[in-house]
Amino acid sequence: MTFPVPRPRRAPESTAGAPGHCPARAQRLPGPGHRDPHNWDPARLRAWYVDGLGWGELYTAGPVARLRTGIRFDVLEMPAEAGLALLRELGPECVAALGGGTVRLLVSAGGAQELPGLLDWLQWGALVPELRALGTGGHIDAPLPPGPPGVPVLPVPGAGAGSQGAAVWLRPPELGGEVETALPGPVAVGDGRGAPSLSLVRLVDAAASYCLRVRMRRVAAQPLAFS
């Protein structure tokens, strides 16, 4: 039995400049400093929170690692569109994460129980139900640790709410620092350099304002219904 001998293969010709050629697709290799969020395995994730931040009493391992609230910090939650606009206004002292279409702002422990009273005192009352708080007994999904400076970490594609990789830090806490002392609280304290930190009152007032603006803009964009 004989077998046909295949012809020698020719070296592929360059397609640069050819119709349909896409240089951008040909250069999709990650650049220096790129980090794939999938590379953060459970051991490395735990090390960043427990060893790096000292949040051992907050960190809960599982299919989705979580951080307990009400111990070292509480959390204000607001829709992502309003939260991102708020962060553009505020200074860099905010610690914030994004996950499941929600921006989460870390505030001092006890801030969650202050929220209803502050909204009433600031005359917002029940106008902004989108602004919520998590305190004692609550938890948030542990956001993926940040990448190198200047390299944003995006949520893992296809990761829905309640799955690891859906939450990322927008403004992460500093490793080795006393994160809790600089979080917004009832009274603005100095940041050690003479400048006052952000108070919880100012943060709640600004957050409520952006929540209402976003809702009104969405209502205005809806087509009018005629009966």
C-alpha atoms as a PDB file:
ATOM      1  CA  MET A   1       0.000   0.000   0.000  1.00  0.00           C
ATOM      2  CA  THR A   2       1.320   3.411  -0.899  1.00  0.00           C
ATOM      3  CA  PHE A   3       0.500   6.762   0.641  1.00  0.00           C
ATOM      4  CA  PRO A   4       0.584  10.082  -1.176  1.00  0.00           C
ATOM      5  CA  VAL A   5       3.441  12.283  -0.096  1.00  0.00           C
ATOM      6  CA  PRO A   6       2.176  15.713   0.983  1.00  0.00           C
ATOM      7  CA  ARG A   7       3.687  18.716  -0.700  1.00  0.00           C
ATOM      8  CA  PRO A   8       6.113  20.834   1.338  1.00  0.00           C
ATOM      9  CA  ARG A   9       4.405  23.657   3.195  1.00  0.00           C
ATOM     10  CA  ARG A  10       5.291  27.169   2.176  1.00  0.00           C
ATOM     11  CA  ALA A  11       6.069  29.816   4.740  1.00  0.00           C
ATOM     12  CA  PRO A  12       2.993  31.982   5.333  1.00  0.00           C
ATOM     13  CA  GLU A  13       3.070  35.245   3.471  1.00  0.00           C
ATOM     14  CA  SER A  14       2.776  38.515   5.340  1.00  0.00           C
ATOM     15  CA  THR A  15      -0.783  39.786   5.511  1.00  0.00           C
ATOM     16  CA  ALA A  16       0.154  43.320   6.481  1.00  0.00           C
ATOM     17  CA  GLY A  17      -1.806  45.715   4.351  1.00  0.00           C
ATOM     18  CA  ALA A  18      -3.970  42.954   2.892  1.00  0.00           C
ATOM     19  CA  PRO A  19      -7.750  43.374   2.834  1.00  0.00           C
ATOM     20  CA  GLY A  20      -9.296  42.318   6.125  1.00  0.00           C
ATOM     21  CA  HIS A  21      -5.992  42.497   7.997  1.00  0.00           C
ATOM     22  CA  CYS A  22      -6.391  43.920  11.496  1.00  0.00           C
ATOM     23  CA  PRO A  23      -3.103  44.998  13.129  1.00  0.00           C
ATOM     24  CA  ALA A  24      -4.844  45.486  16.482  1.00  0.00           C
ATOM     25  CA  ARG A  25      -5.895  41.845  16.600  1.00  0.00           C
ATOM     26  CA  ALA A  26      -2.402  40.716  15.676  1.00  0.00           C
ATOM     27  CA  GLN A  27      -1.003  42.513  18.728  1.00  0.00           C
ATOM     28  CA  ARG A  28      -3.271  41.399  21.560  1.00  0.00           C
ATOM     29  CA  LEU A  29      -0.478  40.190  23.822  1.00  0.00           C
ATOM     30  CA  PRO A  30      -0.619  41.872  27.233  1.00  0.00           C
ATOM     31  CA  GLY A  31       1.925  44.591  27.772  1.00  0.00           C
ATOM     32  CA  PRO A  32       4.354  44.959  30.692  1.00  0.00           C
ATOM     33  CA  GLY A  33       2.670  45.014  34.074  1.00  0.00           C
ATOM     34  CA  HIS A  34      -0.529  43.396  32.809  1.00  0.00           C
ATOM     35  CA  ARG A  35      -2.213  41.131  35.345  1.00  0.00           C
ATOM     36  CA  ASP A  36      -5.046  38.766  34.592  1.00  0.00           C
ATOM     37  CA  PRO A  37      -7.636  38.732  37.431  1.00  0.00           C
ATOM     38  CA  HIS A  38      -7.988  34.959  36.900  1.00  0.00           C
ATOM     39  CA  ASN A  39      -4.466  34.555  38.306  1.00  0.00           C
ATOM     40  CA  TRP A  40      -5.632  35.468  41.810  1.00  0.00           C
ATOM     41  CA  ASP A  41      -6.100  32.063  43.348  1.00  0.00           C
ATOM     42  CA  PRO A  42      -7.657  31.662  46.837  1.00  0.00           C
ATOM     43  CA  ALA A  43      -4.282  31.465  48.605  1.00  0.00           C
ATOM     44  CA  ARG A  44      -3.002  34.694  47.063  1.00  0.00           C
ATOM     45  CA  LEU A  45      -6.324  36.425  47.663  1.00  0.00           C
ATOM     46  CA  ARG A  46      -6.261  35.455  51.333  1.00  0.00           C
ATOM     47  CA  ALA A  47      -2.625  36.539  51.712  1.00  0.00           C
ATOM     48  CA  TRP A  48      -3.412  40.022  50.381  1.00  0.00           C
ATOM     49  CA  TYR A  49      -6.210  40.560  52.904  1.00  0.00           C
ATOM     50  CA  VAL A  50      -4.908  38.671  55.933  1.00  0.00           C
ATOM     51  CA  ASP A  51      -1.151  39.283  55.703  1.00  0.00           C
ATOM     52  CA  GLY A  52      -1.122  42.521  53.725  1.00  0.00           C
ATOM     53  CA  LEU A  53      -4.022  44.379  55.351  1.00  0.00           C
ATOM     54  CA  GLY A  54      -4.274  42.491  58.634  1.00  0.00           C
ATOM     55  CA  TRP A  55      -7.973  41.807  58.100  1.00  0.00           C
ATOM     56  CA  GLY A  56      -7.889  38.226  59.342  1.00  0.00           C
ATOM     57  CA  GLU A  57     -10.996  38.653  61.499  1.00  0.00           C
ATOM     58  CA  LEU A  58     -12.912  40.038  58.503  1.00  0.00           C
ATOM     59  CA  TYR A  59     -11.893  37.538  55.837  1.00  0.00           C
ATOM     60  CA  THR A  60     -14.150  34.527  55.278  1.00  0.00           C
ATOM     61  CA  ALA A  61     -12.959  31.925  52.781  1.00  0.00           C
ATOM     62  CA  GLY A  62     -15.329  29.907  50.616  1.00  0.00           C
ATOM     63  CA  PRO A  63     -16.462  29.565  47.006  1.00  0.00           C
ATOM     64  CA  VAL A  64     -16.610  33.375  47.129  1.00  0.00           C
ATOM     65  CA  ALA A  65     -14.326  35.051  49.676  1.00  0.00           C
ATOM     66  CA  ARG A  66     -16.097  37.699  51.732  1.00  0.00           C
ATOM     67  CA  LEU A  67     -15.313  40.538  54.130  1.00  0.00           C
ATOM     68  CA  ARG A  68     -17.412  41.042  57.261  1.00  0.00           C
ATOM     69  CA  THR A  69     -18.688  44.557  57.895  1.00  0.00           C
ATOM     70  CA  GLY A  70     -19.366  46.250  61.214  1.00  0.00           C
ATOM     71  CA  ILE A  71     -16.004  45.342  62.767  1.00  0.00           C
ATOM     72  CA  ARG A  72     -13.369  47.588  61.230  1.00  0.00           C
ATOM     73  CA  PHE A  73     -15.577  49.418  58.781  1.00  0.00           C
ATOM     74  CA  ASP A  74     -19.127  49.776  57.497  1.00  0.00           C
ATOM     75  CA  VAL A  75     -20.120  50.201  53.861  1.00  0.00           C
ATOM     76  CA  LEU A  76     -22.298  52.676  51.972  1.00  0.00           C
ATOM     77  CA  GLU A  77     -23.818  51.247  48.780  1.00  0.00           C
ATOM     78  CA  MET A  78     -25.118  53.193  45.804  1.00  0.00           C
ATOM     79  CA  PRO A  79     -25.750  52.571  42.078  1.00  0.00           C
ATOM     80  CA  ALA A  80     -22.568  52.456  40.019  1.00  0.00           C
ATOM     81  CA  GLU A  81     -23.423  55.465  37.840  1.00  0.00           C
ATOM     82  CA  ALA A  82     -23.990  57.693  40.859  1.00  0.00           C
ATOM     83  CA  GLY A  83     -21.017  56.278  42.752  1.00  0.00           C
ATOM     84  CA  LEU A  84     -18.544  56.776  39.913  1.00  0.00           C
ATOM     85  CA  ALA A  85     -19.681  60.386  39.486  1.00  0.00           C
ATOM     86  CA  LEU A  86     -19.286  60.925  43.233  1.00  0.00           C
ATOM     87  CA  LEU A  87     -15.735  59.560  43.235  1.00  0.00           C
ATOM     88  CA  ARG A  88     -14.756  62.018  40.507  1.00  0.00           C
ATOM     89  CA  GLU A  89     -15.736  64.840  42.870  1.00  0.00           C
ATOM     90  CA  LEU A  90     -14.238  63.513  46.087  1.00  0.00           C
ATOM     91  CA  GLY A  91     -10.572  63.418  46.942  1.00  0.00           C
ATOM     92  CA  PRO A  92      -8.370  60.321  46.965  1.00  0.00           C
ATOM     93  CA  GLU A  93      -9.055  59.609  50.643  1.00  0.00           C
ATOM     94  CA  CYS A  94     -12.102  57.463  49.804  1.00  0.00           C
ATOM     95  CA  VAL A  95     -11.742  53.685  49.800  1.00  0.00           C
ATOM     96  CA  ALA A  96     -14.177  52.300  47.224  1.00  0.00           C
ATOM     97  CA  ALA A  97     -14.998  49.098  45.353  1.00  0.00           C
ATOM     98  CA  LEU A  98     -17.228  48.219  42.408  1.00  0.00           C
ATOM     99  CA  GLY A  99     -19.237  45.035  42.030  1.00  0.00           C
ATOM    100  CA  GLY A 100     -22.567  43.907  40.616  1.00  0.00           C
ATOM    101  CA  GLY A 101     -23.488  47.380  39.374  1.00  0.00           C
ATOM    102  CA  THR A 102     -22.921  48.866  42.842  1.00  0.00           C
ATOM    103  CA  VAL A 103     -20.223  51.178  44.201  1.00  0.00           C
ATOM    104  CA  ARG A 104     -19.300  50.449  47.817  1.00  0.00           C
ATOM    105  CA  LEU A 105     -17.666  53.140  49.955  1.00  0.00           C
ATOM    106  CA  LEU A 106     -15.921  52.153  53.170  1.00  0.00           C
ATOM    107  CA  VAL A 107     -16.806  54.296  56.198  1.00  0.00           C
ATOM    108  CA  SER A 108     -15.936  54.031  59.870  1.00  0.00           C
ATOM    109  CA  ALA A 109     -17.575  51.272  61.912  1.00  0.00           C
ATOM    110  CA  GLY A 110     -20.935  52.442  63.217  1.00  0.00           C
ATOM    111  CA  GLY A 111     -21.615  54.596  60.172  1.00  0.00           C
ATOM    112  CA  ALA A 112     -24.362  52.283  58.913  1.00  0.00           C
ATOM    113  CA  GLN A 113     -26.600  52.921  61.911  1.00  0.00           C
ATOM    114  CA  GLU A 114     -26.050  56.670  61.508  1.00  0.00           C
ATOM    115  CA  LEU A 115     -27.326  56.730  57.912  1.00  0.00           C
ATOM    116  CA  PRO A 116     -31.107  57.033  58.548  1.00  0.00           C
ATOM    117  CA  GLY A 117     -30.630  59.851  61.061  1.00  0.00           C
ATOM    118  CA  LEU A 118     -28.200  61.704  58.805  1.00  0.00           C
ATOM    119  CA  LEU A 119     -30.568  61.494  55.831  1.00  0.00           C
ATOM    120  CA  ASP A 120     -33.360  62.971  57.962  1.00  0.00           C
ATOM    121  CA  TRP A 121     -31.104  65.679  59.402  1.00  0.00           C
ATOM    122  CA  LEU A 122     -29.876  66.608  55.917  1.00  0.00           C
ATOM    123  CA  GLN A 123     -33.536  66.729  54.791  1.00  0.00           C
ATOM    124  CA  TRP A 124     -33.176  63.888  52.318  1.00  0.00           C
ATOM    125  CA  GLY A 125     -35.486  61.601  54.260  1.00  0.00           C
ATOM    126  CA  ALA A 126     -36.791  58.792  52.036  1.00  0.00           C
ATOM    127  CA  LEU A 127     -35.926  60.555  48.758  1.00  0.00           C
ATOM    128  CA  VAL A 128     -32.923  58.321  48.066  1.00  0.00           C
ATOM    129  CA  PRO A 129     -33.770  54.652  48.759  1.00  0.00           C
ATOM    130  CA  GLU A 130     -30.856  53.723  46.455  1.00  0.00           C
ATOM    131  CA  LEU A 131     -28.406  54.785  49.177  1.00  0.00           C
ATOM    132  CA  ARG A 132     -28.029  51.888  51.607  1.00  0.00           C
ATOM    133  CA  ALA A 133     -25.583  50.814  54.303  1.00  0.00           C
ATOM    134  CA  LEU A 134     -24.097  47.574  55.624  1.00  0.00           C
ATOM    135  CA  GLY A 135     -22.950  47.311  59.216  1.00  0.00           C
ATOM    136  CA  THR A 136     -22.835  44.693  61.960  1.00  0.00           C
ATOM    137  CA  GLY A 137     -23.708  41.245  60.638  1.00  0.00           C
ATOM    138  CA  GLY A 138     -23.276  42.216  56.988  1.00  0.00           C
ATOM    139  CA  HIS A 139     -20.656  41.264  54.436  1.00  0.00           C
ATOM    140  CA  ILE A 140     -19.397  42.134  50.966  1.00  0.00           C
ATOM    141  CA  ASP A 141     -17.663  39.994  48.354  1.00  0.00           C
ATOM    142  CA  ALA A 142     -13.904  40.458  48.674  1.00  0.00           C
ATOM    143  CA  PRO A 143     -12.814  42.598  45.689  1.00  0.00           C
ATOM    144  CA  LEU A 144      -9.867  41.447  43.600  1.00  0.00           C
ATOM    145  CA  PRO A 145      -6.634  43.089  44.795  1.00  0.00           C
ATOM    146  CA  PRO A 146      -5.356  46.002  42.696  1.00  0.00           C
ATOM    147  CA  GLY A 147      -2.813  45.638  39.916  1.00  0.00           C
ATOM    148  CA  PRO A 148       0.379  47.640  39.345  1.00  0.00           C
ATOM    149  CA  PRO A 149       0.096  51.457  39.375  1.00  0.00           C
ATOM    150  CA  GLY A 150      -1.674  52.712  36.283  1.00  0.00           C
ATOM    151  CA  VAL A 151      -3.029  49.268  35.349  1.00  0.00           C
ATOM    152  CA  PRO A 152      -6.748  49.079  36.200  1.00  0.00           C
ATOM    153  CA  VAL A 153      -8.216  45.730  37.188  1.00  0.00           C
ATOM    154  CA  LEU A 154     -11.522  44.993  35.478  1.00  0.00           C
ATOM    155  CA  PRO A 155     -14.150  42.520  36.684  1.00  0.00           C
ATOM    156  CA  VAL A 156     -13.643  38.996  35.355  1.00  0.00           C
ATOM    157  CA  PRO A 157     -15.696  38.613  32.143  1.00  0.00           C
ATOM    158  CA  GLY A 158     -18.889  36.684  32.784  1.00  0.00           C
ATOM    159  CA  ALA A 159     -18.568  36.893  36.580  1.00  0.00           C
ATOM    160  CA  GLY A 160     -22.015  37.704  37.881  1.00  0.00           C
ATOM    161  CA  ALA A 161     -22.962  39.097  41.262  1.00  0.00           C
ATOM    162  CA  GLY A 162     -22.010  36.681  44.009  1.00  0.00           C
ATOM    163  CA  SER A 163     -19.070  35.120  42.150  1.00  0.00           C
ATOM    164  CA  GLN A 164     -15.371  35.751  42.743  1.00  0.00           C
ATOM    165  CA  GLY A 165     -14.018  38.299  40.301  1.00  0.00           C
ATOM    166  CA  ALA A 166     -17.232  40.313  40.008  1.00  0.00           C
ATOM    167  CA  ALA A 167     -15.956  42.906  42.520  1.00  0.00           C
ATOM    168  CA  VAL A 168     -12.804  45.020  42.116  1.00  0.00           C
ATOM    169  CA  TRP A 169     -11.225  47.883  44.027  1.00  0.00           C
ATOM    170  CA  LEU A 170     -11.630  51.331  42.490  1.00  0.00           C
ATOM    171  CA  ARG A 171      -9.625  52.982  45.275  1.00  0.00           C
ATOM    172  CA  PRO A 172      -8.012  50.207  47.316  1.00  0.00           C
ATOM    173  CA  PRO A 173      -6.865  50.416  50.937  1.00  0.00           C
ATOM    174  CA  GLU A 174      -3.139  50.834  51.455  1.00  0.00           C
ATOM    175  CA  LEU A 175      -1.231  47.761  52.563  1.00  0.00           C
ATOM    176  CA  GLY A 176       0.319  48.068  55.992  1.00  0.00           C
ATOM    177  CA  GLY A 177      -1.556  51.271  56.798  1.00  0.00           C
ATOM    178  CA  GLU A 178      -4.152  52.060  59.437  1.00  0.00           C
ATOM    179  CA  VAL A 179      -7.026  52.084  56.974  1.00  0.00           C
ATOM    180  CA  GLU A 180      -9.757  52.494  59.589  1.00  0.00           C
ATOM    181  CA  THR A 181      -8.397  55.739  61.054  1.00  0.00           C
ATOM    182  CA  ALA A 182      -8.786  57.590  57.741  1.00  0.00           C
ATOM    183  CA  LEU A 183     -12.297  56.405  56.844  1.00  0.00           C
ATOM    184  CA  PRO A 184     -15.173  58.928  56.878  1.00  0.00           C
ATOM    185  CA  GLY A 185     -16.743  59.110  60.329  1.00  0.00           C
ATOM    186  CA  PRO A 186     -19.092  61.335  62.324  1.00  0.00           C
ATOM    187  CA  VAL A 187     -16.266  63.824  62.868  1.00  0.00           C
ATOM    188  CA  ALA A 188     -13.613  64.751  60.299  1.00  0.00           C
ATOM    189  CA  VAL A 189     -10.159  64.164  61.768  1.00  0.00           C
ATOM    190  CA  GLY A 190      -6.776  65.220  60.451  1.00  0.00           C
ATOM    191  CA  ASP A 191      -4.944  63.029  57.979  1.00  0.00           C
ATOM    192  CA  GLY A 192      -1.586  63.581  59.694  1.00  0.00           C
ATOM    193  CA  ARG A 193      -0.576  66.305  57.245  1.00  0.00           C
ATOM    194  CA  GLY A 194      -2.836  69.059  58.518  1.00  0.00           C
ATOM    195  CA  ALA A 195      -5.688  68.466  56.060  1.00  0.00           C
ATOM    196  CA  PRO A 196      -9.080  67.313  57.363  1.00  0.00           C
ATOM    197  CA  SER A 197     -10.383  63.976  56.158  1.00  0.00           C
ATOM    198  CA  LEU A 198     -13.811  63.506  54.627  1.00  0.00           C
ATOM    199  CA  SER A 199     -16.624  63.473  57.191  1.00  0.00           C
ATOM    200  CA  LEU A 200     -19.518  61.033  57.052  1.00  0.00           C
ATOM    201  CA  VAL A 201     -21.968  63.954  56.927  1.00  0.00           C
ATOM    202  CA  ARG A 202     -20.414  65.406  53.790  1.00  0.00           C
ATOM    203  CA  LEU A 203     -20.124  61.981  52.175  1.00  0.00           C
ATOM    204  CA  VAL A 204     -23.778  61.072  52.806  1.00  0.00           C
ATOM    205  CA  ASP A 205     -24.993  64.461  51.566  1.00  0.00           C
ATOM    206  CA  ALA A 206     -22.962  64.213  48.350  1.00  0.00           C
ATOM    207  CA  ALA A 207     -23.913  60.560  47.787  1.00  0.00           C
ATOM    208  CA  ALA A 208     -27.630  61.307  48.198  1.00  0.00           C
ATOM    209  CA  SER A 209     -27.348  64.207  45.765  1.00  0.00           C
ATOM    210  CA  TYR A 210     -25.772  62.045  43.056  1.00  0.00           C
ATOM    211  CA  CYS A 211     -28.291  59.235  43.582  1.00  0.00           C
ATOM    212  CA  LEU A 212     -31.156  61.671  43.028  1.00  0.00           C
ATOM    213  CA  ARG A 213     -29.494  63.277  39.994  1.00  0.00           C
ATOM    214  CA  VAL A 214     -29.011  59.929  38.285  1.00  0.00           C
ATOM    215  CA  ARG A 215     -32.596  58.856  38.964  1.00  0.00           C
ATOM    216  CA  MET A 216     -34.018  62.144  37.656  1.00  0.00           C
ATOM    217  CA  ARG A 217     -31.861  61.921  34.536  1.00  0.00           C
ATOM    218  CA  ARG A 218     -33.126  58.408  33.852  1.00  0.00           C
ATOM    219  CA  VAL A 219     -36.739  59.492  34.329  1.00  0.00           C
ATOM    220  CA  ALA A 220     -36.247  62.445  31.976  1.00  0.00           C
ATOM    221  CA  ALA A 221     -34.789  60.125  29.319  1.00  0.00           C
ATOM    222  CA  GLN A 222     -37.850  57.856  29.293  1.00  0.00           C
ATOM    223  CA  PRO A 223     -40.363  58.450  26.478  1.00  0.00           C
ATOM    224  CA  LEU A 224     -43.677  59.962  27.479  1.00  0.00           C
ATOM    225  CA  ALA A 225     -46.612  57.560  27.587  1.00  0.00           C
ATOM    226  CA  PHE A 226     -49.938  58.737  26.195  1.00  0.00           C
ATOM    227  CA  SER A 227     -53.190  56.921  26.883  1.00  0.00           C
END
